[in-house]
Amino acid sequence: MKHLKNGSLMMAAIYLCLVLFPSLATAHAYIIKSTPYENEILNQIPKKVSIVFDESIQASFNSIEVFDSKGNRVDQNNGRIDPKNPSMIETGLGSNLPDDTYSIKWRVVSSDGHPVEGVIPFQIGKENQNQDSSTVSNHTTGYTPKMDLIIIRWLQYISNACLVGVLFLYLFVLPKDIVENAGLSKTHSKLINLSLMTLFISILLSLPLQATIESGVSWSRVISISVLRDMLAYTQFGEIWIIQITGLFFLLISTYLLLKSKFNSLWMWISFILGIGLLLSKSYTSHAASSTNVFLTIPIDFIHLLSASIWIGSLIGIVALVPFSRQMDTRTLFLETIRNFSKWGILLVIILSVTGFIGSLSYIPNLRTLLTTNYGRVLLGKVLLLIIMIVFASFNFIKGKQSREKGVPATLWGELVTGLIVIVLSVLLTNLPTAMSSPGPFKETKTVKQGSQITFEVTPNVIGENNYVLILKDRTGQPLKDIEQVTLTFTSLEMDMGDDTKSLIKVKEGSYKAKGLNFNMAGRWNVHVHVLTKELESVDTDFTVLVGSQ
């Protein structure tokens, strides 16, 4: 009953944090539309150029400039975020620009503090060109995690996990007899103090770290009152940092009273709630907050992070008990601790598996991107290490159930070290663009009228120019013949942009191709295939294509 009551209190605390924590929108920004779009050929000079992103962008550290083929700047130097649309950046152009190839060079910071920059070429006029716009490189680059970020964020995750995990042991796992052991409380008091000190340092350093990321300048240049003031006043990260510092202040007070009172239950609960509150703040700077359904994705991301933190943090606390396994009077209590934690471990593994799978559905568009994107490869590595952790945990569970201490310390260390590496990969995942920006080539086959099959392919399936291939077969697998016309109609499912229809050219019987700039924004598109036979019969179907931004 006691554990049930404590568990209910913990869930209530988590619920309160979810409800009371401020709502922030954060994500990795990527282009869904640009005007002009990539390599567009214009007959008239546009009054302005603009880029629309998939989410709101921060007011600080952004720029948009336009250059001609000789590198001369030709915009009106009035780049800004549209006051009516916080996801659009724009700048005006001069009225007397000659026919030429131009490049839009842009840089923005997404709401989660990750800078993204790139170049979009376009062309004015068709004659007397100094350079063909197709030879100008169109590219988008984001922030690549560096060692300073990995170390500071890893220390923050580990120290927060250690604090929460040790308190979880006291609240739910440790036998009463071992809790009253003076040596144990002294060991865990040192762990809590060390985790608090590391947590304080890592959170303190996270502000100038983020300033280097968003501004793109070195540590020596961001350590200034003006830069840090701008970070606090005009960025989403600054808001979260203030919340974290405030939470940390109260956490320091509660843990001081906790240790002074020799692990009083009330102060233990208060410290535990504040600790998971700091973990929750990380979910508001993760990919989860970029979803349109944040009431689902943020809790799932938080529960995933909390489960991993409790698992790894508790392991740190249990490894600290290894010396007690060598003493006759405490060996039984040590094994009982292993058995108690193993039961919780099964629940944590289930939660991690379910929330991890649901989360991956939001960031992995297809299995191909697991191997072709950095995000997918890191995610695969994390899954592999979690499986290794489960193997270690299973061994510990069996040994604890059999009351056999031999070999347990080694596998505990193996489980913990693997968990520490998992945290490193978690840091990388939080700071890498998701695989949704690079879904890769599209290919799908549908069975339609009278058993005929239509296969539609798009390569490379990004904003700008793509190759379209349509393969038509009858129900016996033979190419469809006597085709009069094949057309594709493109309709954006993200916003009302009208329809764009394109005719395909016959390559051979049952095979048709075309090339075009029909995908001028990222996101979901409906492609309607219309096939007209010489007998004036129609064969129609629709494909939903997720178009990437890069």
Protein backbone atom coordinates (compact mmCIF):
# COMPACT_ATOMS: atom_id res chain seq x y z
CA MET A 1 0.00 0.00 0.00
CA LYS A 2 2.86 2.35 0.82
CA HIS A 3 4.45 1.94 -2.63
CA LEU A 4 1.03 2.34 -4.28
CA LYS A 5 0.44 5.54 -2.36
CA ASN A 6 3.90 6.86 -3.21
CA GLY A 7 3.42 5.91 -6.86
CA SER A 8 0.14 7.80 -6.96
CA LEU A 9 1.81 10.84 -5.48
CA MET A 10 4.57 10.65 -8.08
CA MET A 11 2.07 10.50 -10.96
CA ALA A 12 0.17 13.43 -9.45
CA ALA A 13 3.39 15.41 -9.27
CA ILE A 14 4.17 14.65 -12.92
CA TYR A 15 0.66 15.66 -13.94
CA LEU A 16 0.93 18.98 -12.09
CA CYS A 17 4.22 19.74 -13.82
CA LEU A 18 2.68 19.00 -17.21
CA VAL A 19 -0.32 21.22 -16.54
CA LEU A 20 1.43 24.13 -14.86
CA PHE A 21 4.57 24.36 -17.02
CA PRO A 22 4.35 27.23 -19.55
CA SER A 23 3.57 26.37 -23.15
CA LEU A 24 6.40 27.13 -25.56
CA ALA A 25 6.74 26.30 -29.25
CA THR A 26 10.13 24.88 -30.18
CA ALA A 27 11.47 23.02 -33.22
CA HIS A 28 14.14 22.75 -35.89
CA ALA A 29 12.96 25.24 -38.51
CA TYR A 30 13.02 24.27 -42.16
CA ILE A 31 11.70 25.93 -45.31
CA ILE A 32 8.22 25.04 -46.49
CA LYS A 33 8.00 27.80 -49.12
CA SER A 34 10.16 30.53 -50.63
CA THR A 35 9.22 33.35 -52.98
CA PRO A 36 10.91 33.07 -55.43
CA TYR A 37 11.37 29.32 -55.09
CA GLU A 38 14.58 27.51 -55.98
CA ASN A 39 15.79 28.25 -59.55
CA GLU A 40 12.55 30.04 -60.44
CA ILE A 41 12.80 32.19 -63.57
CA LEU A 42 10.95 35.51 -63.22
CA ASN A 43 9.97 37.90 -65.99
CA GLN A 44 9.58 40.84 -63.60
CA ILE A 45 11.55 42.06 -60.62
CA PRO A 46 9.72 41.09 -57.41
CA LYS A 47 9.19 43.82 -54.82
CA LYS A 48 10.50 41.54 -52.10
CA VAL A 49 11.78 38.04 -51.42
CA SER A 50 10.41 35.95 -48.57
CA ILE A 51 10.91 32.56 -46.94
CA VAL A 52 8.26 30.73 -44.90
CA PHE A 53 9.37 28.15 -42.33
CA ASP A 54 7.47 25.31 -40.71
CA GLU A 55 7.35 27.11 -37.35
CA SER A 56 7.92 30.47 -35.71
CA ILE A 57 11.49 31.75 -35.81
CA GLN A 58 13.21 33.79 -33.15
CA ALA A 59 13.53 37.54 -33.40
CA SER A 60 17.27 37.42 -32.67
CA PHE A 61 20.26 36.43 -34.80
CA ASN A 62 18.46 36.21 -38.16
CA SER A 63 19.30 37.69 -41.55
CA ILE A 64 18.18 37.62 -45.19
CA GLU A 65 20.26 39.13 -48.00
CA VAL A 66 20.18 39.01 -51.80
CA PHE A 67 23.28 39.04 -54.04
CA ASP A 68 23.76 39.17 -57.81
CA SER A 69 26.04 36.84 -59.78
CA LYS A 70 29.05 39.11 -59.08
CA GLY A 71 28.52 39.06 -55.32
CA ASN A 72 27.06 42.56 -55.03
CA ARG A 73 24.29 42.97 -52.47
CA VAL A 74 21.06 44.15 -54.11
CA ASP A 75 18.40 44.02 -51.37
CA GLN A 76 17.19 47.09 -49.46
CA ASN A 77 18.90 46.01 -46.22
CA ASN A 78 15.53 45.86 -44.46
CA GLY A 79 15.32 42.16 -43.70
CA ARG A 80 12.85 41.34 -40.94
CA ILE A 81 10.38 38.81 -39.62
CA ASP A 82 6.89 39.52 -40.92
CA PRO A 83 4.97 41.03 -37.96
CA LYS A 84 1.80 39.25 -39.12
CA ASN A 85 3.52 35.90 -39.66
CA PRO A 86 6.31 34.99 -37.20
CA SER A 87 7.33 32.05 -39.39
CA MET A 88 8.23 34.26 -42.39
CA ILE A 89 11.35 36.36 -43.01
CA GLU A 90 11.48 38.88 -45.87
CA THR A 91 13.44 41.73 -47.42
CA GLY A 92 12.76 44.28 -50.15
CA LEU A 93 14.51 44.46 -53.54
CA GLY A 94 15.56 47.38 -55.67
CA SER A 95 13.36 48.37 -58.62
CA ASN A 96 16.03 48.55 -61.35
CA LEU A 97 17.73 45.19 -61.13
CA PRO A 98 19.10 43.86 -64.46
CA ASP A 99 18.41 40.41 -65.83
CA ASP A 100 20.78 38.16 -63.93
CA THR A 101 21.08 35.22 -61.55
CA TYR A 102 20.54 36.08 -57.88
CA SER A 103 21.04 34.27 -54.59
CA ILE A 104 19.04 34.64 -51.38
CA LYS A 105 21.37 34.05 -48.44
CA TRP A 106 19.43 33.53 -45.23
CA ARG A 107 20.01 32.59 -41.60
CA VAL A 108 17.41 32.03 -38.87
CA VAL A 109 17.27 30.52 -35.40
CA SER A 110 14.47 28.09 -34.74
CA SER A 111 12.46 28.33 -31.56
CA ASP A 112 14.52 25.63 -29.87
CA GLY A 113 17.66 27.66 -30.46
CA HIS A 114 19.15 25.80 -33.42
CA PRO A 115 20.49 28.02 -36.23
CA VAL A 116 19.72 27.11 -39.84
CA GLU A 117 21.11 28.85 -42.92
CA GLY A 118 21.20 28.40 -46.65
CA VAL A 119 21.15 29.79 -50.18
CA ILE A 120 18.23 29.89 -52.65
CA PRO A 121 19.05 30.85 -56.28
CA PHE A 122 16.60 32.44 -58.70
CA GLN A 123 16.77 34.21 -62.04
CA ILE A 124 15.32 37.37 -63.53
CA GLY A 125 14.83 37.33 -67.30
CA LYS A 126 15.81 34.68 -69.85
CA GLU A 127 18.27 36.53 -72.06
CA ASN A 128 21.76 37.99 -71.65
CA GLN A 129 22.41 36.01 -68.53
CA ASN A 130 25.80 36.12 -66.88
CA GLN A 131 25.08 32.80 -65.26
CA ASP A 132 22.41 30.14 -65.40
CA SER A 133 20.56 29.87 -62.09
CA SER A 134 20.77 26.10 -62.21
CA THR A 135 24.54 26.34 -61.65
CA VAL A 136 24.11 28.20 -58.37
CA SER A 137 24.17 25.84 -55.41
CA ASN A 138 21.00 25.63 -53.37
CA HIS A 139 21.69 24.30 -49.91
CA THR A 140 20.50 24.36 -46.34
CA THR A 141 22.74 23.67 -43.36
CA GLY A 142 21.96 23.38 -39.69
CA TYR A 143 23.95 23.33 -36.49
CA THR A 144 26.23 20.32 -35.98
CA PRO A 145 26.71 19.43 -32.29
CA LYS A 146 30.24 20.19 -31.10
CA MET A 147 32.17 18.89 -28.12
CA ASP A 148 31.29 21.82 -25.84
CA LEU A 149 27.57 21.14 -26.34
CA ILE A 150 27.95 17.38 -25.88
CA ILE A 151 29.89 17.75 -22.62
CA ILE A 152 27.72 20.45 -21.02
CA ARG A 153 24.38 18.93 -22.01
CA TRP A 154 25.59 15.41 -21.05
CA LEU A 155 26.61 16.66 -17.60
CA GLN A 156 23.21 18.30 -17.20
CA TYR A 157 21.35 15.12 -18.14
CA ILE A 158 23.53 12.86 -15.96
CA SER A 159 23.48 15.09 -12.88
CA ASN A 160 19.70 15.56 -13.14
CA ALA A 161 19.23 11.82 -13.63
CA CYS A 162 21.48 11.01 -10.67
CA LEU A 163 19.52 13.30 -8.36
CA VAL A 164 16.12 11.98 -9.47
CA GLY A 165 17.31 8.37 -9.50
CA VAL A 166 18.79 8.40 -5.98
CA LEU A 167 15.63 9.99 -4.58
CA PHE A 168 13.56 7.40 -6.45
CA LEU A 169 15.55 4.65 -4.71
CA TYR A 170 14.71 6.09 -1.30
CA LEU A 171 11.04 6.60 -2.12
CA PHE A 172 10.30 3.30 -3.85
CA VAL A 173 13.13 0.76 -3.83
CA LEU A 174 15.47 0.59 -0.85
CA PRO A 175 14.56 -1.75 2.03
CA LYS A 176 13.88 0.05 5.31
CA ASP A 177 16.83 -1.57 7.07
CA ILE A 178 19.37 -0.36 4.53
CA VAL A 179 17.90 3.18 4.49
CA GLU A 180 18.69 3.48 8.19
CA ASN A 181 22.32 2.52 7.60
CA ALA A 182 24.52 5.55 8.39
CA GLY A 183 27.17 4.55 5.85
CA LEU A 184 24.61 4.36 3.05
CA SER A 185 23.07 7.75 3.76
CA LYS A 186 26.54 9.29 3.86
CA THR A 187 27.43 7.79 0.46
CA HIS A 188 24.21 8.96 -1.15
CA SER A 189 24.53 12.41 0.46
CA LYS A 190 27.84 12.81 -1.38
CA LEU A 191 26.18 11.69 -4.62
CA ILE A 192 23.37 14.23 -4.22
CA ASN A 193 25.81 17.04 -3.42
CA LEU A 194 27.97 16.17 -6.43
CA SER A 195 24.97 15.98 -8.77
CA LEU A 196 23.66 19.33 -7.51
CA MET A 197 27.03 21.01 -8.03
CA THR A 198 27.34 19.55 -11.55
CA LEU A 199 23.75 20.47 -12.37
CA PHE A 200 24.33 24.04 -11.24
CA ILE A 201 27.52 24.41 -13.32
CA SER A 202 26.00 22.82 -16.45
CA ILE A 203 22.84 24.94 -16.34
CA LEU A 204 24.89 28.08 -15.70
CA LEU A 205 27.15 27.34 -18.70
CA SER A 206 24.20 26.44 -20.92
CA LEU A 207 23.31 30.12 -21.44
CA PRO A 208 26.63 31.24 -23.01
CA LEU A 209 26.77 27.87 -24.80
CA GLN A 210 23.43 28.58 -26.43
CA ALA A 211 24.58 32.09 -27.26
CA THR A 212 27.52 30.65 -29.24
CA ILE A 213 25.12 28.35 -31.10
CA GLU A 214 22.52 30.99 -31.97
CA SER A 215 24.91 33.83 -32.80
CA GLY A 216 27.58 31.69 -34.45
CA VAL A 217 30.43 33.45 -32.62
CA SER A 218 33.06 32.15 -30.19
CA TRP A 219 32.84 31.83 -26.40
CA SER A 220 35.08 34.84 -25.87
CA ARG A 221 32.74 37.09 -27.87
CA VAL A 222 29.46 35.94 -26.29
CA ILE A 223 30.63 36.53 -22.72
CA SER A 224 29.27 40.06 -22.73
CA ILE A 225 26.35 41.74 -21.01
CA SER A 226 24.69 42.77 -24.28
CA VAL A 227 24.72 39.31 -25.88
CA LEU A 228 23.56 37.51 -22.73
CA ARG A 229 20.90 40.17 -22.17
CA ASP A 230 19.58 39.62 -25.68
CA MET A 231 19.55 35.89 -25.06
CA LEU A 232 17.46 36.31 -21.91
CA ALA A 233 15.14 38.95 -23.33
CA TYR A 234 14.49 37.81 -26.90
CA THR A 235 14.94 34.04 -27.11
CA GLN A 236 12.83 31.08 -26.09
CA PHE A 237 15.89 29.43 -24.60
CA GLY A 238 16.36 32.47 -22.35
CA GLU A 239 12.84 32.02 -20.96
CA ILE A 240 13.48 28.35 -20.22
CA TRP A 241 16.89 29.13 -18.70
CA ILE A 242 15.29 31.56 -16.25
CA ILE A 243 12.78 28.86 -15.29
CA GLN A 244 15.59 26.35 -14.83
CA ILE A 245 17.64 28.71 -12.65
CA THR A 246 14.58 29.47 -10.53
CA GLY A 247 13.79 25.77 -10.14
CA LEU A 248 17.42 25.06 -9.31
CA PHE A 249 17.38 27.72 -6.57
CA PHE A 250 14.43 26.06 -4.83
CA LEU A 251 16.00 22.65 -5.41
CA LEU A 252 19.16 23.74 -3.61
CA ILE A 253 17.10 24.85 -0.63
CA SER A 254 15.00 21.68 -0.50
CA THR A 255 17.99 19.32 -0.82
CA TYR A 256 19.86 21.23 1.89
CA LEU A 257 16.90 20.71 4.23
CA LEU A 258 16.63 17.10 3.01
CA LEU A 259 20.22 16.27 3.93
CA LYS A 260 20.08 18.23 7.16
CA SER A 261 16.94 16.31 8.22
CA LYS A 262 18.60 12.98 7.27
CA PHE A 263 16.29 12.20 4.34
CA ASN A 264 13.00 13.43 5.72
CA SER A 265 10.13 12.12 3.54
CA LEU A 266 8.55 15.54 2.94
CA TRP A 267 11.75 17.20 1.71
CA MET A 268 12.54 14.10 -0.30
CA TRP A 269 9.25 14.45 -2.19
CA ILE A 270 9.71 18.19 -2.72
CA SER A 271 13.24 17.65 -4.08
CA PHE A 272 12.02 14.81 -6.29
CA ILE A 273 9.24 16.96 -7.78
CA LEU A 274 11.63 19.85 -8.44
CA GLY A 275 14.09 17.43 -10.03
CA ILE A 276 11.54 16.05 -12.47
CA GLY A 277 10.43 19.63 -13.16
CA LEU A 278 13.94 20.37 -14.46
CA LEU A 279 13.73 17.27 -16.63
CA LEU A 280 10.41 18.50 -17.97
CA SER A 281 12.03 21.77 -19.04
CA LYS A 282 14.23 19.78 -21.45
CA SER A 283 11.15 18.49 -23.26
CA TYR A 284 10.24 22.09 -24.10
CA THR A 285 13.51 22.44 -26.03
CA SER A 286 13.20 19.14 -27.87
CA HIS A 287 11.69 18.07 -31.20
CA ALA A 288 8.46 17.10 -29.40
CA ALA A 289 7.37 20.71 -28.98
CA SER A 290 7.43 21.26 -32.76
CA SER A 291 4.43 18.99 -33.22
CA THR A 292 0.98 20.37 -33.91
CA ASN A 293 -0.28 18.17 -31.07
CA VAL A 294 2.02 19.22 -28.24
CA PHE A 295 -0.44 17.96 -25.62
CA LEU A 296 0.51 14.46 -26.76
CA THR A 297 4.11 14.73 -27.94
CA ILE A 298 5.54 16.74 -25.02
CA PRO A 299 4.16 14.37 -22.32
CA ILE A 300 5.43 11.37 -24.30
CA ASP A 301 8.89 12.91 -24.69
CA PHE A 302 8.96 13.86 -21.00
CA ILE A 303 7.86 10.42 -19.81
CA HIS A 304 10.51 8.85 -22.04
CA LEU A 305 13.19 11.14 -20.60
CA LEU A 306 11.98 10.63 -17.03
CA SER A 307 11.97 6.84 -17.39
CA ALA A 308 15.51 6.85 -18.78
CA SER A 309 16.67 9.23 -16.03
CA ILE A 310 15.17 7.10 -13.26
CA TRP A 311 16.72 3.96 -14.75
CA ILE A 312 20.22 5.40 -15.21
CA GLY A 313 20.13 7.57 -12.07
CA SER A 314 18.99 4.66 -9.93
CA LEU A 315 21.82 2.55 -11.35
CA ILE A 316 24.29 5.17 -10.17
CA GLY A 317 22.79 4.96 -6.69
CA ILE A 318 22.84 1.13 -6.72
CA VAL A 319 26.45 0.97 -7.96
CA ALA A 320 27.33 3.13 -4.94
CA LEU A 321 25.99 0.24 -2.82
CA VAL A 322 28.40 -2.33 -4.29
CA PRO A 323 30.74 -2.12 -1.24
CA PHE A 324 27.77 -3.19 0.92
CA SER A 325 27.47 -6.38 -1.14
CA ARG A 326 30.82 -7.53 0.24
CA GLN A 327 29.72 -7.28 3.85
CA MET A 328 27.92 -10.23 5.40
CA ASP A 329 25.43 -8.14 7.37
CA THR A 330 24.32 -6.04 4.34
CA ARG A 331 24.72 -8.51 1.43
CA THR A 332 21.14 -9.75 1.75
CA LEU A 333 19.83 -6.18 1.78
CA PHE A 334 21.87 -5.39 -1.33
CA LEU A 335 20.36 -8.32 -3.23
CA GLU A 336 16.90 -7.32 -2.03
CA THR A 337 17.53 -3.87 -3.47
CA ILE A 338 18.44 -5.47 -6.81
CA ARG A 339 15.22 -7.51 -6.77
CA ASN A 340 13.07 -4.49 -5.87
CA PHE A 341 14.62 -2.33 -8.57
CA SER A 342 14.37 -5.10 -11.19
CA LYS A 343 10.58 -5.03 -10.83
CA TRP A 344 10.56 -1.30 -11.49
CA GLY A 345 13.09 -1.87 -14.28
CA ILE A 346 10.60 -4.03 -16.20
CA LEU A 347 8.05 -1.20 -16.06
CA LEU A 348 10.68 1.37 -17.10
CA VAL A 349 11.72 -0.76 -20.09
CA ILE A 350 8.11 -1.06 -21.22
CA ILE A 351 7.57 2.71 -20.89
CA LEU A 352 10.82 3.48 -22.72
CA SER A 353 9.92 1.08 -25.55
CA VAL A 354 6.38 2.42 -26.01
CA THR A 355 7.24 6.12 -25.78
CA GLY A 356 10.35 5.65 -27.93
CA PHE A 357 8.35 3.91 -30.66
CA ILE A 358 5.60 6.53 -30.63
CA GLY A 359 8.17 9.33 -30.67
CA SER A 360 10.08 7.82 -33.59
CA LEU A 361 6.90 7.83 -35.69
CA SER A 362 6.98 11.63 -35.53
CA TYR A 363 10.62 11.97 -36.61
CA ILE A 364 11.28 8.99 -38.94
CA PRO A 365 9.20 9.12 -42.14
CA ASN A 366 10.38 5.72 -43.45
CA LEU A 367 12.85 2.94 -42.71
CA ARG A 368 15.27 4.23 -45.34
CA THR A 369 16.02 7.36 -43.31
CA LEU A 370 17.29 5.21 -40.44
CA LEU A 371 20.35 4.52 -42.58
CA THR A 372 20.59 7.63 -44.76
CA THR A 373 20.27 10.44 -42.17
CA ASN A 374 22.42 11.34 -39.18
CA TYR A 375 19.34 11.38 -36.98
CA GLY A 376 18.35 7.88 -38.09
CA ARG A 377 21.83 6.44 -37.58
CA VAL A 378 22.17 7.91 -34.09
CA LEU A 379 18.68 6.62 -33.22
CA LEU A 380 19.68 3.12 -34.34
CA GLY A 381 22.76 3.32 -32.14
CA LYS A 382 20.64 4.35 -29.17
CA VAL A 383 18.22 1.46 -29.72
CA LEU A 384 21.12 -1.01 -29.92
CA LEU A 385 22.59 0.25 -26.65
CA LEU A 386 19.21 0.09 -24.93
CA ILE A 387 18.98 -3.56 -25.96
CA ILE A 388 22.41 -4.15 -24.40
CA MET A 389 21.19 -2.44 -21.22
CA ILE A 390 18.17 -4.72 -21.15
CA VAL A 391 20.45 -7.77 -21.42
CA PHE A 392 22.51 -6.55 -18.44
CA ALA A 393 19.33 -5.75 -16.50
CA SER A 394 17.93 -9.23 -17.19
CA PHE A 395 21.10 -10.82 -15.79
CA ASN A 396 20.86 -8.67 -12.67
CA PHE A 397 17.19 -9.54 -12.23
CA ILE A 398 17.91 -13.28 -12.43
CA LYS A 399 20.85 -13.03 -10.03
CA GLY A 400 18.82 -10.95 -7.59
CA LYS A 401 15.93 -13.39 -7.73
CA GLN A 402 18.31 -16.27 -7.03
CA SER A 403 19.97 -14.27 -4.22
CA ARG A 404 23.36 -14.76 -5.88
CA GLU A 405 25.76 -11.84 -5.62
CA LYS A 406 28.51 -13.27 -7.85
CA GLY A 407 28.89 -11.32 -11.09
CA VAL A 408 26.28 -8.68 -10.21
CA PRO A 409 28.72 -5.76 -9.61
CA ALA A 410 30.31 -6.25 -13.04
CA THR A 411 26.98 -6.33 -14.88
CA LEU A 412 25.74 -3.35 -12.87
CA TRP A 413 28.75 -1.40 -14.08
CA GLY A 414 28.14 -2.62 -17.63
CA GLU A 415 24.52 -1.52 -17.48
CA LEU A 416 25.50 1.88 -16.06
CA VAL A 417 28.31 2.59 -18.55
CA THR A 418 26.01 1.67 -21.43
CA GLY A 419 23.39 4.01 -20.01
CA LEU A 420 25.90 6.86 -19.82
CA ILE A 421 26.66 6.39 -23.53
CA VAL A 422 22.92 6.35 -24.26
CA ILE A 423 22.69 9.81 -22.68
CA VAL A 424 25.39 11.06 -25.07
CA LEU A 425 23.34 9.82 -28.03
CA SER A 426 20.22 11.43 -26.54
CA VAL A 427 22.06 14.76 -26.47
CA LEU A 428 22.96 14.34 -30.14
CA LEU A 429 19.38 13.43 -31.11
CA THR A 430 18.01 16.53 -29.40
CA ASN A 431 20.37 18.73 -31.41
CA LEU A 432 20.18 17.08 -34.84
CA PRO A 433 17.54 17.85 -37.47
CA THR A 434 15.01 15.02 -37.59
CA ALA A 435 14.81 12.68 -40.55
CA MET A 436 11.54 14.36 -41.57
CA SER A 437 13.53 17.00 -43.49
CA SER A 438 15.13 14.28 -45.66
CA PRO A 439 12.55 11.57 -46.40
CA GLY A 440 14.41 10.53 -49.57
CA PRO A 441 13.03 9.37 -52.94
CA PHE A 442 9.36 8.40 -53.00
CA LYS A 443 8.05 5.18 -54.56
CA GLU A 444 4.65 3.58 -54.11
CA THR A 445 2.45 1.16 -56.04
CA LYS A 446 -1.34 1.12 -56.03
CA THR A 447 -3.83 -1.33 -57.51
CA VAL A 448 -6.63 0.47 -59.35
CA LYS A 449 -9.34 -0.22 -61.92
CA GLN A 450 -9.66 -3.87 -63.07
CA GLY A 451 -6.53 -4.89 -61.17
CA SER A 452 -4.17 -2.51 -62.99
CA GLN A 453 -1.14 -1.27 -61.10
CA ILE A 454 0.27 2.26 -61.04
CA THR A 455 3.75 2.85 -59.61
CA PHE A 456 4.73 6.46 -58.92
CA GLU A 457 8.34 7.55 -58.24
CA VAL A 458 9.72 10.96 -57.25
CA THR A 459 13.47 11.71 -57.10
CA PRO A 460 15.06 13.34 -55.10
CA ASN A 461 11.73 14.35 -53.51
CA VAL A 462 12.68 17.82 -52.23
CA ILE A 463 11.66 21.42 -52.79
CA GLY A 464 12.61 22.42 -56.32
CA GLU A 465 13.20 20.31 -59.39
CA ASN A 466 12.25 16.62 -59.25
CA ASN A 467 12.07 13.71 -61.67
CA TYR A 468 8.69 11.93 -61.93
CA VAL A 469 8.32 8.39 -63.20
CA LEU A 470 5.02 6.54 -63.73
CA ILE A 471 4.91 2.81 -64.46
CA LEU A 472 1.57 1.39 -65.70
CA LYS A 473 0.85 -2.35 -65.72
CA ASP A 474 -2.24 -4.45 -66.24
CA ARG A 475 -3.37 -7.18 -63.86
CA THR A 476 -1.07 -9.72 -65.55
CA GLY A 477 1.97 -7.51 -64.97
CA GLN A 478 2.30 -6.43 -68.62
CA PRO A 479 2.73 -2.75 -69.63
CA LEU A 480 -0.52 -0.90 -70.26
CA LYS A 481 -0.90 0.02 -73.94
CA ASP A 482 -3.07 2.35 -75.99
CA ILE A 483 -2.59 5.28 -73.59
CA GLU A 484 -3.65 8.66 -74.93
CA GLN A 485 -2.59 10.93 -72.07
CA VAL A 486 -0.99 10.78 -68.60
CA THR A 487 -1.11 13.77 -66.25
CA LEU A 488 -0.17 14.54 -62.66
CA THR A 489 -2.01 17.14 -60.58
CA PHE A 490 -0.15 18.49 -57.54
CA THR A 491 -2.06 19.87 -54.54
CA SER A 492 -0.43 20.99 -51.30
CA LEU A 493 -2.05 19.56 -48.18
CA GLU A 494 -0.34 22.17 -45.97
CA MET A 495 -1.96 25.31 -47.39
CA ASP A 496 -4.28 26.39 -50.21
CA MET A 497 -2.02 27.04 -53.21
CA GLY A 498 -4.31 25.84 -55.99
CA ASP A 499 -3.59 22.92 -58.33
CA ASP A 500 -0.65 22.45 -60.67
CA THR A 501 -1.04 19.95 -63.54
CA LYS A 502 1.80 18.41 -65.54
CA SER A 503 1.75 16.06 -68.55
CA LEU A 504 4.16 13.14 -68.72
CA ILE A 505 6.07 11.98 -71.79
CA LYS A 506 6.03 8.37 -72.96
CA VAL A 507 9.41 6.63 -72.73
CA LYS A 508 8.19 3.20 -73.73
CA GLU A 509 5.04 1.14 -73.34
CA GLY A 510 3.78 1.55 -69.76
CA SER A 511 6.56 3.96 -68.76
CA TYR A 512 6.19 7.75 -68.56
CA LYS A 513 8.53 10.46 -67.28
CA ALA A 514 8.68 14.18 -66.60
CA LYS A 515 10.78 16.77 -64.79
CA GLY A 516 9.42 19.81 -63.00
CA LEU A 517 9.40 22.35 -60.17
CA ASN A 518 5.96 21.36 -58.93
CA PHE A 519 6.92 20.85 -55.28
CA ASN A 520 7.64 24.44 -54.20
CA MET A 521 7.26 23.83 -50.46
CA ALA A 522 8.04 21.04 -48.01
CA GLY A 523 5.37 18.95 -46.34
CA ARG A 524 2.54 16.70 -47.50
CA TRP A 525 1.32 16.82 -51.09
CA ASN A 526 -1.47 15.00 -52.89
CA VAL A 527 -0.51 13.87 -56.40
CA HIS A 528 -3.49 12.84 -58.52
CA VAL A 529 -2.67 10.51 -61.40
CA HIS A 530 -4.97 10.64 -64.40
CA VAL A 531 -4.53 8.14 -67.23
CA LEU A 532 -6.72 8.43 -70.34
CA THR A 533 -6.83 5.54 -72.81
CA LYS A 534 -7.49 5.82 -76.52
CA GLU A 535 -10.92 4.34 -75.85
CA LEU A 536 -11.48 7.42 -73.61
CA GLU A 537 -11.53 5.35 -70.43
CA SER A 538 -10.01 6.90 -67.31
CA VAL A 539 -7.74 5.29 -64.74
CA ASP A 540 -7.23 7.49 -61.69
CA THR A 541 -5.61 7.27 -58.27
CA ASP A 542 -3.98 9.50 -55.65
CA PHE A 543 -0.63 9.40 -53.86
CA THR A 544 0.28 11.26 -50.67
CA VAL A 545 3.92 12.39 -50.86
CA LEU A 546 5.97 13.78 -47.96
CA VAL A 547 8.34 16.26 -49.58
CA GLY A 548 11.61 17.08 -47.84
CA SER A 549 13.30 20.42 -47.40
CA GLN A 550 16.81 19.10 -48.04
